Amino acid sequence: MLKLFPIFLVLNFSFFAKAEERSDAFLVKVFDNYVRVVSPDKNYSLVSIIIENKTMSKLIGKVVKGKTDLAFLSIDPDKTKSVQVKYTKEEKLLFIPMAPASQEVELIVGKKTYEIPPQK
């Protein structure tokens, strides 16, 4: 019985390691080649957007709702900034990296974890 105990522990921890990330806010991690987004499960009228710069250079970007610029951000390497915005599903919510320039990132509620561009 004691010989099976270590096997049980390994299986139990591997189950938890595969659990998906979840958040009550948008967590946007910007890497050199892609952006990873962890989105909230449900819609909130006031939502936080946490942007984490995982690159080696300063990140400059903006948060846009519909056609309105809500915030301009400058984030040093390995630093984080957050913004709170009023949100409705009728308008697109975007994070647009401007320097280094990259693809705009649509923030979608309920999509769990996704990457721009998608990793293979």
N, C-alpha and C. Protein backbone atom coordinates (compact mmCIF):
# COMPACT_ATOMS: atom_id res chain seq x y z
N MET A 1 0.82 -1.21 0.00
CA MET A 1 0.00 0.00 0.00
C MET A 1 0.86 1.27 0.00
N LEU A 2 1.92 1.27 0.82
CA LEU A 2 2.79 2.43 0.87
C LEU A 2 3.55 2.63 -0.43
N LYS A 3 3.76 1.57 -1.20
CA LYS A 3 4.45 1.70 -2.48
C LYS A 3 3.59 2.45 -3.50
N LEU A 4 2.29 2.37 -3.37
CA LEU A 4 1.38 3.04 -4.29
C LEU A 4 1.16 4.51 -3.94
N PHE A 5 1.46 4.90 -2.72
CA PHE A 5 1.23 6.28 -2.27
C PHE A 5 1.96 7.32 -3.11
N PRO A 6 3.27 7.14 -3.42
CA PRO A 6 3.94 8.15 -4.29
C PRO A 6 3.31 8.26 -5.67
N ILE A 7 2.84 7.15 -6.22
CA ILE A 7 2.18 7.19 -7.53
C ILE A 7 0.90 7.99 -7.45
N PHE A 8 0.15 7.81 -6.37
CA PHE A 8 -1.08 8.56 -6.16
C PHE A 8 -0.79 10.06 -6.09
N LEU A 9 0.28 10.45 -5.37
CA LEU A 9 0.64 11.87 -5.26
C LEU A 9 0.99 12.46 -6.61
N VAL A 10 1.76 11.75 -7.41
CA VAL A 10 2.14 12.25 -8.74
C VAL A 10 0.92 12.43 -9.62
N LEU A 11 0.03 11.47 -9.62
CA LEU A 11 -1.18 11.57 -10.43
C LEU A 11 -2.06 12.71 -9.95
N ASN A 12 -2.17 12.88 -8.64
CA ASN A 12 -3.00 13.93 -8.08
C ASN A 12 -2.46 15.31 -8.45
N PHE A 13 -1.14 15.54 -8.35
CA PHE A 13 -0.56 16.83 -8.69
C PHE A 13 -0.61 17.09 -10.19
N SER A 14 -0.48 16.07 -11.02
CA SER A 14 -0.55 16.29 -12.46
C SER A 14 -1.95 16.71 -12.88
N PHE A 15 -2.98 16.25 -12.17
CA PHE A 15 -4.35 16.68 -12.45
C PHE A 15 -4.49 18.18 -12.22
N PHE A 16 -3.96 18.69 -11.11
CA PHE A 16 -4.06 20.11 -10.79
C PHE A 16 -3.20 20.97 -11.72
N ALA A 17 -2.11 20.43 -12.21
CA ALA A 17 -1.23 21.19 -13.09
C ALA A 17 -1.91 21.49 -14.43
N LYS A 18 -2.88 20.69 -14.84
CA LYS A 18 -3.56 20.90 -16.11
C LYS A 18 -4.80 21.78 -15.99
N ALA A 19 -5.08 22.29 -14.82
CA ALA A 19 -6.24 23.16 -14.63
C ALA A 19 -6.06 24.45 -15.41
N GLU A 20 -7.17 24.98 -15.93
CA GLU A 20 -7.10 26.21 -16.73
C GLU A 20 -7.00 27.42 -15.83
N GLU A 21 -6.36 28.46 -16.36
CA GLU A 21 -6.27 29.73 -15.66
C GLU A 21 -7.64 30.40 -15.71
N ARG A 22 -8.00 31.07 -14.63
CA ARG A 22 -9.25 31.81 -14.59
C ARG A 22 -9.00 33.15 -13.92
N SER A 23 -9.85 34.11 -14.22
CA SER A 23 -9.65 35.45 -13.68
C SER A 23 -10.98 36.19 -13.63
N ASP A 24 -11.07 37.17 -12.76
CA ASP A 24 -12.22 38.07 -12.72
C ASP A 24 -11.93 39.33 -13.52
N ALA A 25 -10.73 39.41 -14.08
CA ALA A 25 -10.31 40.55 -14.89
C ALA A 25 -9.66 40.01 -16.15
N PHE A 26 -9.41 40.89 -17.09
CA PHE A 26 -8.61 40.50 -18.26
C PHE A 26 -7.15 40.58 -17.85
N LEU A 27 -6.43 39.50 -18.02
CA LEU A 27 -5.00 39.48 -17.77
C LEU A 27 -4.31 39.32 -19.12
N VAL A 28 -3.62 40.37 -19.56
CA VAL A 28 -2.99 40.41 -20.87
C VAL A 28 -1.48 40.36 -20.65
N LYS A 29 -0.85 39.25 -21.07
CA LYS A 29 0.60 39.09 -20.95
C LYS A 29 1.20 39.25 -22.34
N VAL A 30 2.04 40.27 -22.50
CA VAL A 30 2.65 40.56 -23.79
C VAL A 30 4.06 39.99 -23.82
N PHE A 31 4.28 39.03 -24.72
CA PHE A 31 5.59 38.42 -24.92
C PHE A 31 6.17 38.95 -26.23
N ASP A 32 7.40 38.55 -26.56
CA ASP A 32 8.04 39.04 -27.79
C ASP A 32 7.29 38.63 -29.05
N ASN A 33 6.80 37.39 -29.11
CA ASN A 33 6.20 36.87 -30.34
C ASN A 33 4.68 36.68 -30.29
N TYR A 34 4.09 36.84 -29.13
CA TYR A 34 2.65 36.62 -29.00
C TYR A 34 2.11 37.31 -27.75
N VAL A 35 0.79 37.36 -27.66
CA VAL A 35 0.10 37.92 -26.51
C VAL A 35 -0.84 36.86 -25.97
N ARG A 36 -0.79 36.60 -24.68
CA ARG A 36 -1.69 35.63 -24.03
C ARG A 36 -2.71 36.40 -23.20
N VAL A 37 -3.98 36.04 -23.36
CA VAL A 37 -5.07 36.70 -22.64
C VAL A 37 -5.82 35.68 -21.81
N VAL A 38 -6.00 35.99 -20.53
CA VAL A 38 -6.89 35.22 -19.66
C VAL A 38 -8.10 36.11 -19.44
N SER A 39 -9.28 35.63 -19.87
CA SER A 39 -10.46 36.48 -19.79
C SER A 39 -11.38 36.03 -18.65
N PRO A 40 -12.21 36.95 -18.15
CA PRO A 40 -13.15 36.57 -17.09
C PRO A 40 -14.24 35.64 -17.63
N ASP A 41 -14.80 34.81 -16.75
CA ASP A 41 -15.85 33.86 -17.13
C ASP A 41 -17.14 34.57 -17.49
N LYS A 42 -17.45 35.64 -16.76
CA LYS A 42 -18.73 36.31 -16.97
C LYS A 42 -18.52 37.80 -17.14
N ASN A 43 -19.53 38.47 -17.64
CA ASN A 43 -19.48 39.90 -17.93
C ASN A 43 -19.71 40.72 -16.66
N TYR A 44 -18.88 41.70 -16.44
CA TYR A 44 -19.04 42.65 -15.34
C TYR A 44 -19.21 44.04 -15.94
N SER A 45 -19.97 44.90 -15.28
CA SER A 45 -20.16 46.25 -15.82
C SER A 45 -18.89 47.08 -15.67
N LEU A 46 -18.08 46.79 -14.68
CA LEU A 46 -16.79 47.44 -14.48
C LEU A 46 -15.74 46.34 -14.49
N VAL A 47 -14.84 46.38 -15.45
CA VAL A 47 -13.86 45.31 -15.60
C VAL A 47 -12.45 45.89 -15.52
N SER A 48 -11.56 45.12 -14.92
CA SER A 48 -10.15 45.51 -14.86
C SER A 48 -9.39 44.84 -15.99
N ILE A 49 -8.45 45.57 -16.55
CA ILE A 49 -7.55 45.03 -17.57
C ILE A 49 -6.14 45.16 -17.00
N ILE A 50 -5.51 44.03 -16.77
CA ILE A 50 -4.16 44.00 -16.21
C ILE A 50 -3.21 43.62 -17.34
N ILE A 51 -2.27 44.50 -17.65
CA ILE A 51 -1.35 44.27 -18.75
C ILE A 51 0.05 44.07 -18.18
N GLU A 52 0.64 42.94 -18.52
CA GLU A 52 1.95 42.56 -18.01
C GLU A 52 2.94 42.52 -19.17
N ASN A 53 4.02 43.27 -19.05
CA ASN A 53 5.03 43.34 -20.10
C ASN A 53 6.10 42.28 -19.84
N LYS A 54 6.12 41.23 -20.67
CA LYS A 54 7.09 40.14 -20.53
C LYS A 54 8.20 40.26 -21.58
N THR A 55 8.31 41.42 -22.23
CA THR A 55 9.35 41.63 -23.23
C THR A 55 10.56 42.28 -22.56
N MET A 56 11.62 42.47 -23.33
CA MET A 56 12.83 43.09 -22.81
C MET A 56 12.87 44.60 -23.09
N SER A 57 11.80 45.13 -23.69
CA SER A 57 11.77 46.56 -24.00
C SER A 57 10.50 47.20 -23.44
N LYS A 58 10.50 48.52 -23.39
CA LYS A 58 9.32 49.25 -22.91
C LYS A 58 8.15 49.00 -23.85
N LEU A 59 6.97 48.78 -23.30
CA LEU A 59 5.76 48.54 -24.07
C LEU A 59 4.88 49.78 -23.99
N ILE A 60 4.47 50.26 -25.15
CA ILE A 60 3.55 51.40 -25.23
C ILE A 60 2.32 50.91 -25.97
N GLY A 61 1.15 51.14 -25.40
CA GLY A 61 -0.08 50.67 -26.02
C GLY A 61 -1.26 51.47 -25.54
N LYS A 62 -2.43 51.11 -26.08
CA LYS A 62 -3.65 51.80 -25.66
C LYS A 62 -4.79 50.81 -25.54
N VAL A 63 -5.76 51.17 -24.69
CA VAL A 63 -6.99 50.41 -24.52
C VAL A 63 -8.09 51.20 -25.22
N VAL A 64 -8.83 50.50 -26.08
CA VAL A 64 -9.86 51.14 -26.90
C VAL A 64 -11.19 50.42 -26.70
N LYS A 65 -12.27 51.21 -26.55
CA LYS A 65 -13.62 50.65 -26.50
C LYS A 65 -14.41 51.27 -27.63
N GLY A 66 -14.84 50.43 -28.58
CA GLY A 66 -15.51 50.96 -29.76
C GLY A 66 -14.52 51.78 -30.56
N LYS A 67 -14.79 53.07 -30.70
CA LYS A 67 -13.87 53.98 -31.40
C LYS A 67 -13.24 54.98 -30.45
N THR A 68 -13.39 54.75 -29.14
CA THR A 68 -12.91 55.68 -28.13
C THR A 68 -11.65 55.16 -27.46
N ASP A 69 -10.60 55.98 -27.43
CA ASP A 69 -9.39 55.63 -26.68
C ASP A 69 -9.66 55.85 -25.20
N LEU A 70 -9.49 54.79 -24.40
CA LEU A 70 -9.76 54.89 -22.96
C LEU A 70 -8.50 55.17 -22.15
N ALA A 71 -7.38 54.59 -22.56
CA ALA A 71 -6.14 54.77 -21.79
C ALA A 71 -4.93 54.53 -22.68
N PHE A 72 -3.90 55.32 -22.45
CA PHE A 72 -2.59 55.10 -23.06
C PHE A 72 -1.66 54.63 -21.96
N LEU A 73 -0.89 53.58 -22.25
CA LEU A 73 -0.04 52.97 -21.23
C LEU A 73 1.40 52.89 -21.69
N SER A 74 2.32 53.09 -20.77
CA SER A 74 3.74 52.88 -20.99
C SER A 74 4.21 51.97 -19.86
N ILE A 75 4.67 50.76 -20.23
CA ILE A 75 5.01 49.75 -19.22
C ILE A 75 6.45 49.29 -19.42
N ASP A 76 7.25 49.44 -18.39
CA ASP A 76 8.64 48.99 -18.43
C ASP A 76 8.72 47.46 -18.46
N PRO A 77 9.86 46.89 -18.90
CA PRO A 77 10.01 45.44 -18.93
C PRO A 77 9.77 44.81 -17.55
N ASP A 78 9.09 43.66 -17.56
CA ASP A 78 8.76 42.90 -16.34
C ASP A 78 7.93 43.69 -15.34
N LYS A 79 7.14 44.64 -15.82
CA LYS A 79 6.25 45.43 -14.96
C LYS A 79 4.81 45.22 -15.41
N THR A 80 3.88 45.67 -14.57
CA THR A 80 2.45 45.50 -14.81
C THR A 80 1.73 46.81 -14.57
N LYS A 81 0.70 47.06 -15.38
CA LYS A 81 -0.20 48.21 -15.16
C LYS A 81 -1.63 47.71 -15.32
N SER A 82 -2.55 48.39 -14.65
CA SER A 82 -3.96 48.00 -14.78
C SER A 82 -4.83 49.21 -15.04
N VAL A 83 -5.96 48.94 -15.69
CA VAL A 83 -6.94 49.97 -16.04
C VAL A 83 -8.32 49.39 -15.75
N GLN A 84 -9.22 50.20 -15.21
CA GLN A 84 -10.61 49.78 -15.03
C GLN A 84 -11.47 50.52 -16.02
N VAL A 85 -12.38 49.77 -16.68
CA VAL A 85 -13.25 50.38 -17.68
C VAL A 85 -14.68 49.88 -17.49
N LYS A 86 -15.62 50.74 -17.89
CA LYS A 86 -17.02 50.31 -17.96
C LYS A 86 -17.17 49.52 -19.24
N TYR A 87 -17.85 48.37 -19.15
CA TYR A 87 -17.87 47.46 -20.30
C TYR A 87 -19.27 46.94 -20.57
N THR A 88 -19.63 46.95 -21.85
CA THR A 88 -20.84 46.29 -22.31
C THR A 88 -20.44 45.44 -23.52
N LYS A 89 -21.13 44.36 -23.74
CA LYS A 89 -20.78 43.46 -24.83
C LYS A 89 -21.04 44.07 -26.22
N GLU A 90 -21.78 45.16 -26.27
CA GLU A 90 -22.12 45.75 -27.56
C GLU A 90 -20.91 46.40 -28.24
N GLU A 91 -19.92 46.83 -27.45
CA GLU A 91 -18.75 47.49 -28.02
C GLU A 91 -17.52 46.60 -27.89
N LYS A 92 -16.68 46.62 -28.92
CA LYS A 92 -15.43 45.86 -28.86
C LYS A 92 -14.48 46.52 -27.88
N LEU A 93 -13.81 45.69 -27.10
CA LEU A 93 -12.79 46.16 -26.19
C LEU A 93 -11.46 45.62 -26.71
N LEU A 94 -10.49 46.53 -26.95
CA LEU A 94 -9.22 46.14 -27.57
C LEU A 94 -8.04 46.65 -26.77
N PHE A 95 -6.95 45.89 -26.81
CA PHE A 95 -5.66 46.39 -26.38
C PHE A 95 -4.80 46.43 -27.64
N ILE A 96 -4.24 47.61 -27.94
CA ILE A 96 -3.44 47.78 -29.15
C ILE A 96 -2.01 48.13 -28.77
N PRO A 97 -1.07 47.17 -28.95
CA PRO A 97 0.34 47.48 -28.71
C PRO A 97 0.85 48.39 -29.83
N MET A 98 1.46 49.52 -29.46
CA MET A 98 1.92 50.49 -30.45
C MET A 98 3.44 50.45 -30.62
N ALA A 99 4.18 50.21 -29.54
CA ALA A 99 5.63 50.09 -29.62
C ALA A 99 6.09 49.07 -28.58
N PRO A 100 6.67 47.98 -28.94
CA PRO A 100 6.83 47.53 -30.31
C PRO A 100 5.47 47.22 -30.92
N ALA A 101 5.32 47.59 -32.18
CA ALA A 101 4.05 47.43 -32.88
C ALA A 101 3.70 45.95 -33.01
N SER A 102 2.43 45.66 -32.82
CA SER A 102 1.96 44.28 -32.90
C SER A 102 0.49 44.28 -33.27
N GLN A 103 -0.05 43.11 -33.43
CA GLN A 103 -1.45 42.93 -33.80
C GLN A 103 -2.36 43.37 -32.65
N GLU A 104 -3.48 44.01 -32.97
CA GLU A 104 -4.42 44.41 -31.91
C GLU A 104 -5.02 43.15 -31.29
N VAL A 105 -5.36 43.26 -30.01
CA VAL A 105 -5.86 42.13 -29.24
C VAL A 105 -7.27 42.45 -28.79
N GLU A 106 -8.25 41.68 -29.28
CA GLU A 106 -9.62 41.86 -28.83
C GLU A 106 -9.79 41.14 -27.50
N LEU A 107 -10.38 41.82 -26.53
CA LEU A 107 -10.62 41.24 -25.22
C LEU A 107 -12.04 40.70 -25.19
N ILE A 108 -12.15 39.38 -25.11
CA ILE A 108 -13.44 38.69 -25.23
C ILE A 108 -13.78 37.98 -23.93
N VAL A 109 -14.93 38.31 -23.35
CA VAL A 109 -15.38 37.69 -22.11
C VAL A 109 -15.77 36.24 -22.38
N GLY A 110 -15.38 35.34 -21.45
CA GLY A 110 -15.80 33.94 -21.51
C GLY A 110 -14.97 33.06 -22.41
N LYS A 111 -13.92 33.59 -23.02
CA LYS A 111 -13.11 32.78 -23.92
C LYS A 111 -11.98 32.06 -23.18
N LYS A 112 -11.92 32.22 -21.87
CA LYS A 112 -10.90 31.63 -21.00
C LYS A 112 -9.51 32.10 -21.42
N THR A 113 -8.62 31.21 -21.80
CA THR A 113 -7.25 31.60 -22.17
C THR A 113 -7.07 31.45 -23.68
N TYR A 114 -6.56 32.51 -24.32
CA TYR A 114 -6.28 32.44 -25.75
C TYR A 114 -5.05 33.28 -26.07
N GLU A 115 -4.47 33.02 -27.26
CA GLU A 115 -3.25 33.71 -27.66
C GLU A 115 -3.41 34.36 -29.03
N ILE A 116 -2.74 35.50 -29.20
CA ILE A 116 -2.72 36.23 -30.45
C ILE A 116 -1.27 36.34 -30.89
N PRO A 117 -0.80 35.90 -32.01
CA PRO A 117 -1.47 34.93 -32.88
C PRO A 117 -1.53 33.58 -32.18
N PRO A 118 -2.50 32.74 -32.57
CA PRO A 118 -2.65 31.44 -31.92
C PRO A 118 -1.38 30.61 -32.04
N GLN A 119 -0.98 29.96 -30.95
CA GLN A 119 0.18 29.07 -30.96
C GLN A 119 -0.24 27.73 -31.50
N LYS A 120 0.66 27.08 -32.24
CA LYS A 120 0.36 25.77 -32.84
C LYS A 120 0.63 24.65 -31.89
